Amino acid sequence: MKSPLDPQRTKRIVVALSLAFPVLMLAHVAPAKTPVSTPFSQINAAAKAGPINVHTLRGGISMLDGSGGNITALAGPKGFFLVDTGIAVSRAMILDALRSIGPGKIRLAVDTHWHWDHADGNGWVHAQGASIMADPVALKRLKETIRVVEWGNTFRPKPVAELPDIVIKGDRTLQENGETIRIRHYRAGHTDGDISVYFVKADVLSTGDTFWNGQYPFIDYVGGGSIDGAIASANANIAMATAHTIIVPGHGPVGDLKSQTAFRDMLVTIRNRVAALKRKGLTVEQAQAATPTKDLDAKWGQSVISGKLFTALVFRGV
């Protein structure tokens, strides 16, 4: 017969087990890693949460915000004509917003460029029976695998059901709901497949992401963009507008010629400052440390693109 454990040995075993047990338990029930937050996931979360806000402009035209990029909607007896389709997760809220404007389904839409926050809703818009127009380069981008490091996401090729079905190779004029609509191409700027949509009678210009009102813009170098091209696109918008023109930016509140001009001037100012730093031989990190956007950040750097990130984007192109 085995002799019983002495009290001191028993105490040591109990203490050892009590110390080991939490470690063993943690090894089995350790929580999963928290997903890394990226600009892509943050923008999608905001689109899912809503709301979608409707801003009535004129001539039956409204701007919808809250689903990534702004959406322009022209209502009329033929149904809706949209500029951009937003993020797919916002579908129900976008449809509710459109119903608050007027009856009818979406008949036709235009993608101002390929980015998901402007074209991710293509699938459900197609499902409504609508056709979707886009620049041929934007269509090409939607068929590619593209890693955009700054967004923290790799974009995969879209299925056929989510692709634009009308390619706009040159400038085009349409007649929709009693309105004359001019579709025009930019040179490569925000991306290499940007287009604008101008409603002639209402004098409303939709620019896509060639204009971020009150915000530093994203410049998609992977998708063919550049700071000099972005400035050229801003100048094109200024040339297309008058003091009476309402300008719907890709992001930010409804704009006009004054705010569009301020945006262009900001681009030029920061481009020149960053170019001067690069000519001195500074690295991108050193240029960021020099804070060339410091005096402008309070106005322009309060959204998804910080002054630090915008400095890096500009540095890449000068």
Protein backbone atom coordinates (compact mmCIF):
# COMPACT_ATOMS: atom_id res chain seq x y z
CA MET A 1 0.00 0.00 0.00
CA LYS A 2 1.34 3.44 -1.05
CA SER A 3 2.01 5.88 1.69
CA PRO A 4 -0.08 9.07 1.62
CA LEU A 5 1.51 12.32 0.43
CA ASP A 6 2.91 14.46 3.13
CA PRO A 7 1.11 17.78 3.68
CA GLN A 8 3.94 19.94 2.33
CA ARG A 9 4.19 17.98 -0.94
CA THR A 10 0.41 18.12 -1.39
CA LYS A 11 0.48 21.90 -0.94
CA ARG A 12 3.23 22.27 -3.59
CA ILE A 13 1.24 20.24 -6.16
CA VAL A 14 -1.93 22.27 -5.57
CA VAL A 15 -0.03 25.54 -6.00
CA ALA A 16 1.65 24.30 -9.17
CA LEU A 17 -1.67 23.21 -10.69
CA SER A 18 -3.32 26.49 -9.75
CA LEU A 19 -0.58 28.40 -11.59
CA ALA A 20 -0.59 26.14 -14.64
CA PHE A 21 -4.36 25.89 -15.09
CA PRO A 22 -4.96 29.48 -16.32
CA VAL A 23 -2.12 29.09 -18.83
CA LEU A 24 -3.57 25.82 -20.10
CA MET A 25 -7.02 27.37 -20.34
CA LEU A 26 -5.69 30.39 -22.27
CA ALA A 27 -4.00 28.05 -24.72
CA HIS A 28 -7.42 26.54 -25.52
CA VAL A 29 -9.73 29.58 -25.35
CA ALA A 30 -7.49 32.49 -26.45
CA PRO A 31 -9.70 34.96 -28.36
CA ALA A 32 -9.29 35.33 -32.10
CA LYS A 33 -7.16 38.22 -33.28
CA THR A 34 -9.04 41.47 -33.77
CA PRO A 35 -9.35 42.22 -37.52
CA VAL A 36 -6.99 44.98 -38.65
CA SER A 37 -8.87 48.20 -39.36
CA THR A 38 -8.11 49.66 -42.79
CA PRO A 39 -9.51 52.64 -44.72
CA PHE A 40 -11.34 50.08 -46.88
CA SER A 41 -13.03 48.44 -43.89
CA GLN A 42 -13.78 51.79 -42.23
CA ILE A 43 -15.48 53.19 -45.34
CA ASN A 44 -17.49 49.98 -45.78
CA ALA A 45 -18.58 50.07 -42.14
CA ALA A 46 -19.75 53.66 -42.50
CA ALA A 47 -21.67 52.75 -45.67
CA LYS A 48 -23.34 49.86 -43.86
CA ALA A 49 -24.31 52.02 -40.89
CA GLY A 50 -25.66 54.90 -42.99
CA PRO A 51 -27.58 57.06 -43.21
CA ILE A 52 -27.95 58.03 -46.86
CA ASN A 53 -28.63 61.76 -47.01
CA VAL A 54 -30.48 63.40 -49.89
CA HIS A 55 -29.52 66.92 -50.97
CA THR A 56 -31.95 68.44 -53.46
CA LEU A 57 -30.14 70.51 -56.08
CA ARG A 58 -32.19 71.74 -59.06
CA GLY A 59 -33.78 70.50 -62.26
CA GLY A 60 -34.85 67.22 -60.67
CA ILE A 61 -31.28 66.45 -59.62
CA SER A 62 -30.22 65.37 -56.13
CA MET A 63 -26.97 64.36 -54.47
CA LEU A 64 -26.91 61.32 -52.18
CA ASP A 65 -24.10 60.94 -49.65
CA GLY A 66 -23.30 58.20 -47.17
CA SER A 67 -22.33 55.26 -49.40
CA GLY A 68 -18.66 55.93 -49.99
CA GLY A 69 -18.56 58.37 -52.88
CA ASN A 70 -21.37 60.81 -53.62
CA ILE A 71 -24.14 59.71 -56.00
CA THR A 72 -25.94 62.10 -58.36
CA ALA A 73 -29.54 61.17 -59.18
CA LEU A 74 -31.72 62.65 -61.95
CA ALA A 75 -35.38 61.76 -61.48
CA GLY A 76 -37.98 61.72 -64.25
CA PRO A 77 -40.72 59.82 -66.07
CA LYS A 78 -38.22 57.36 -67.60
CA GLY A 79 -36.86 56.41 -64.18
CA PHE A 80 -33.61 57.40 -62.54
CA PHE A 81 -30.31 58.31 -64.16
CA LEU A 82 -27.44 57.87 -61.69
CA VAL A 83 -23.88 59.06 -61.61
CA ASP A 84 -22.04 56.35 -59.61
CA THR A 85 -23.65 53.48 -57.71
CA GLY A 86 -21.99 53.62 -54.29
CA ILE A 87 -21.13 50.61 -52.13
CA ALA A 88 -23.34 47.54 -52.50
CA VAL A 89 -23.99 47.16 -48.77
CA SER A 90 -25.99 50.43 -48.92
CA ARG A 91 -28.49 49.07 -51.46
CA ALA A 92 -31.62 49.18 -49.29
CA MET A 93 -30.86 52.68 -47.98
CA ILE A 94 -30.10 54.02 -51.46
CA LEU A 95 -33.39 52.63 -52.77
CA ASP A 96 -35.24 54.24 -49.86
CA ALA A 97 -33.51 57.54 -50.64
CA LEU A 98 -34.49 57.33 -54.30
CA ARG A 99 -38.10 56.54 -53.40
CA SER A 100 -38.13 59.71 -51.30
CA ILE A 101 -37.21 61.65 -54.44
CA GLY A 102 -39.64 60.10 -56.90
CA PRO A 103 -41.11 56.91 -58.39
CA GLY A 104 -39.52 54.59 -60.90
CA LYS A 105 -36.56 52.25 -61.19
CA ILE A 106 -33.00 53.05 -62.13
CA ARG A 107 -32.79 53.10 -65.93
CA LEU A 108 -29.21 54.14 -66.61
CA ALA A 109 -26.06 54.80 -64.57
CA VAL A 110 -22.53 56.05 -65.22
CA ASP A 111 -19.39 55.03 -63.33
CA THR A 112 -17.09 58.05 -63.05
CA HIS A 113 -14.19 55.61 -62.43
CA TRP A 114 -13.51 52.07 -61.23
CA HIS A 115 -13.09 52.51 -57.45
CA TRP A 116 -15.34 50.33 -55.32
CA ASP A 117 -16.86 53.24 -53.38
CA HIS A 118 -18.29 54.51 -56.67
CA ALA A 119 -18.94 51.30 -58.61
CA ASP A 120 -19.52 48.51 -56.08
CA GLY A 121 -23.31 48.93 -56.45
CA ASN A 122 -23.18 48.04 -60.14
CA GLY A 123 -24.45 44.51 -59.51
CA TRP A 124 -27.73 45.42 -57.85
CA VAL A 125 -28.26 48.37 -60.21
CA HIS A 126 -27.93 45.94 -63.12
CA ALA A 127 -30.41 43.68 -61.35
CA GLN A 128 -32.94 46.53 -61.52
CA GLY A 129 -32.69 46.32 -65.29
CA ALA A 130 -30.39 49.33 -65.71
CA SER A 131 -27.48 49.71 -68.11
CA ILE A 132 -24.18 51.08 -66.79
CA MET A 133 -21.73 53.21 -68.77
CA ALA A 134 -18.02 53.67 -68.13
CA ASP A 135 -14.72 54.65 -69.70
CA PRO A 136 -13.00 51.66 -71.37
CA VAL A 137 -10.03 51.92 -69.02
CA ALA A 138 -12.34 51.87 -65.99
CA LEU A 139 -13.93 48.70 -67.37
CA LYS A 140 -10.46 47.21 -67.82
CA ARG A 141 -9.57 48.02 -64.20
CA LEU A 142 -12.73 46.35 -62.92
CA LYS A 143 -11.59 43.14 -64.61
CA GLU A 144 -8.14 43.17 -62.95
CA THR A 145 -6.66 42.18 -59.60
CA ILE A 146 -5.34 45.42 -58.10
CA ARG A 147 -3.63 45.86 -54.74
CA VAL A 148 -4.09 49.36 -53.32
CA VAL A 149 -1.77 49.48 -50.33
CA GLU A 150 -3.11 52.76 -48.97
CA TRP A 151 -6.63 51.29 -48.75
CA GLY A 152 -5.37 48.04 -47.23
CA ASN A 153 -7.21 45.96 -49.80
CA THR A 154 -6.72 43.83 -52.89
CA PHE A 155 -9.52 44.31 -55.40
CA ARG A 156 -10.48 41.21 -57.36
CA PRO A 157 -11.98 41.04 -60.86
CA LYS A 158 -15.70 41.73 -60.89
CA PRO A 159 -18.09 39.14 -62.30
CA VAL A 160 -19.75 39.96 -65.61
CA ALA A 161 -23.03 40.82 -63.87
CA GLU A 162 -21.29 43.67 -62.03
CA LEU A 163 -19.46 45.19 -65.00
CA PRO A 164 -20.53 48.23 -67.04
CA ASP A 165 -22.23 47.07 -70.25
CA ILE A 166 -21.83 50.30 -72.28
CA VAL A 167 -18.31 51.53 -73.04
CA ILE A 168 -17.85 55.28 -73.64
CA LYS A 169 -14.76 55.64 -75.83
CA GLY A 170 -15.28 59.30 -76.66
CA ASP A 171 -17.29 62.19 -75.29
CA ARG A 172 -21.02 61.65 -75.56
CA THR A 173 -24.26 63.64 -75.26
CA LEU A 174 -27.45 62.00 -73.96
CA GLN A 175 -31.07 63.06 -73.58
CA GLU A 176 -32.59 61.78 -70.32
CA ASN A 177 -35.75 62.93 -68.55
CA GLY A 178 -35.83 66.19 -70.49
CA GLU A 179 -32.20 66.95 -69.62
CA THR A 180 -29.18 67.19 -71.91
CA ILE A 181 -26.25 65.29 -70.40
CA ARG A 182 -22.65 65.65 -71.55
CA ILE A 183 -20.19 62.91 -70.65
CA ARG A 184 -16.55 63.94 -71.01
CA HIS A 185 -13.20 62.27 -70.38
CA TYR A 186 -10.33 63.60 -68.29
CA ARG A 187 -6.67 62.90 -68.86
CA ALA A 188 -5.27 60.47 -66.29
CA GLY A 189 -5.56 62.21 -62.92
CA HIS A 190 -7.31 60.54 -60.00
CA THR A 191 -7.20 57.33 -62.06
CA ASP A 192 -6.64 56.70 -65.76
CA GLY A 193 -10.34 56.19 -66.50
CA ASP A 194 -12.08 59.26 -65.04
CA ILE A 195 -15.11 60.90 -66.65
CA SER A 196 -17.35 63.85 -65.75
CA VAL A 197 -21.11 64.16 -66.21
CA TYR A 198 -22.61 67.59 -66.88
CA PHE A 199 -26.34 68.34 -66.78
CA VAL A 200 -26.69 71.22 -69.21
CA LYS A 201 -30.12 72.67 -68.38
CA ALA A 202 -29.69 72.39 -64.62
CA ASP A 203 -26.04 73.49 -64.84
CA VAL A 204 -24.90 70.72 -62.49
CA LEU A 205 -21.48 69.11 -62.90
CA SER A 206 -20.63 65.71 -61.38
CA THR A 207 -16.86 65.28 -61.19
CA GLY A 208 -16.30 61.95 -59.48
CA ASP A 209 -13.09 61.88 -57.47
CA THR A 210 -11.36 64.59 -59.51
CA PHE A 211 -12.78 66.90 -56.80
CA TRP A 212 -12.87 66.23 -53.04
CA ASN A 213 -14.56 69.25 -51.51
CA GLY A 214 -12.71 70.36 -48.36
CA GLN A 215 -10.64 67.15 -48.26
CA TYR A 216 -7.27 65.92 -49.41
CA PRO A 217 -7.91 63.53 -52.29
CA PHE A 218 -6.65 60.04 -52.89
CA ILE A 219 -4.44 59.69 -55.97
CA ASP A 220 -4.43 56.16 -57.40
CA TYR A 221 -0.94 55.67 -58.82
CA VAL A 222 -1.57 51.94 -59.25
CA GLY A 223 -4.59 52.89 -61.34
CA GLY A 224 -2.69 55.38 -63.50
CA GLY A 225 -3.22 58.58 -61.50
CA SER A 226 -0.74 61.33 -60.64
CA ILE A 227 -0.60 64.66 -58.83
CA ASP A 228 0.00 66.57 -62.06
CA GLY A 229 -2.94 64.77 -63.66
CA ALA A 230 -5.09 65.59 -60.62
CA ILE A 231 -4.24 69.28 -61.05
CA ALA A 232 -5.08 69.07 -64.75
CA SER A 233 -8.45 67.50 -63.90
CA ALA A 234 -9.17 70.25 -61.37
CA ASN A 235 -8.39 72.83 -64.05
CA ALA A 236 -10.73 71.04 -66.44
CA ASN A 237 -13.52 71.28 -63.86
CA ILE A 238 -12.88 74.99 -63.44
CA ALA A 239 -13.05 75.44 -67.22
CA MET A 240 -16.38 73.57 -67.37
CA ALA A 241 -17.99 75.60 -64.58
CA THR A 242 -19.28 79.12 -64.03
CA ALA A 243 -20.20 81.00 -60.88
CA HIS A 244 -23.72 79.56 -61.28
CA THR A 245 -22.69 75.90 -61.64
CA ILE A 246 -23.45 73.42 -58.86
CA ILE A 247 -20.58 70.94 -58.58
CA VAL A 248 -21.10 67.47 -57.10
CA PRO A 249 -17.71 66.26 -55.84
CA GLY A 250 -16.71 62.66 -55.38
CA HIS A 251 -16.47 63.28 -51.64
CA GLY A 252 -17.52 66.14 -49.39
CA PRO A 253 -20.42 68.59 -49.49
CA VAL A 254 -21.99 70.09 -52.61
CA GLY A 255 -19.51 72.49 -54.19
CA ASP A 256 -19.24 75.36 -56.62
CA LEU A 257 -16.63 77.16 -58.69
CA LYS A 258 -15.15 78.85 -55.62
CA SER A 259 -14.64 75.62 -53.67
CA GLN A 260 -13.38 73.83 -56.78
CA THR A 261 -10.81 76.58 -57.33
CA ALA A 262 -9.71 76.41 -53.68
CA PHE A 263 -9.21 72.66 -54.13
CA ARG A 264 -7.04 73.22 -57.21
CA ASP A 265 -4.99 75.86 -55.42
CA MET A 266 -4.39 73.48 -52.50
CA LEU A 267 -3.15 70.78 -54.90
CA VAL A 268 -0.73 73.19 -56.56
CA THR A 269 0.56 74.55 -53.23
CA ILE A 270 1.32 71.13 -51.75
CA ARG A 271 2.74 69.81 -55.02
CA ASN A 272 5.23 72.69 -55.12
CA ARG A 273 6.22 72.30 -51.49
CA VAL A 274 6.75 68.55 -51.72
CA ALA A 275 8.61 68.85 -55.02
CA ALA A 276 11.01 71.34 -53.40
CA LEU A 277 11.68 68.90 -50.54
CA LYS A 278 12.29 66.06 -52.97
CA ARG A 279 14.72 68.18 -55.02
CA LYS A 280 16.73 68.70 -51.84
CA GLY A 281 17.22 64.94 -51.65
CA LEU A 282 14.81 64.20 -48.79
CA THR A 283 13.26 60.75 -48.55
CA VAL A 284 9.49 60.39 -48.36
CA GLU A 285 9.75 59.89 -44.59
CA GLN A 286 11.83 63.03 -44.23
CA ALA A 287 9.40 64.98 -46.39
CA GLN A 288 6.54 63.83 -44.17
CA ALA A 289 8.51 64.85 -41.07
CA ALA A 290 8.89 68.34 -42.59
CA THR A 291 5.06 68.63 -42.47
CA PRO A 292 4.53 70.56 -45.73
CA THR A 293 0.76 70.40 -45.20
CA LYS A 294 0.77 71.63 -41.59
CA ASP A 295 -0.97 74.96 -42.20
CA LEU A 296 -3.60 73.29 -44.42
CA ASP A 297 -4.43 70.21 -42.37
CA ALA A 298 -7.11 71.89 -40.24
CA LYS A 299 -9.17 72.54 -43.37
CA TRP A 300 -8.24 69.68 -45.70
CA GLY A 301 -6.94 66.87 -43.51
CA GLN A 302 -9.97 65.94 -41.44
CA SER A 303 -11.22 63.03 -43.54
CA VAL A 304 -9.83 59.66 -44.69
CA ILE A 305 -6.69 61.16 -46.28
CA SER A 306 -4.38 62.74 -43.71
CA GLY A 307 -1.76 65.35 -44.47
CA LYS A 308 0.93 62.73 -43.90
CA LEU A 309 -0.58 60.30 -46.39
CA PHE A 310 -1.25 63.03 -48.94
CA THR A 311 2.38 64.13 -48.68
CA ALA A 312 3.46 60.58 -49.56
CA LEU A 313 1.05 60.48 -52.50
CA VAL A 314 2.31 63.78 -53.88
CA PHE A 315 5.97 62.79 -53.28
CA ARG A 316 5.48 59.73 -55.46
CA GLY A 317 4.55 61.86 -58.46
CA VAL A 318 6.99 64.79 -58.39
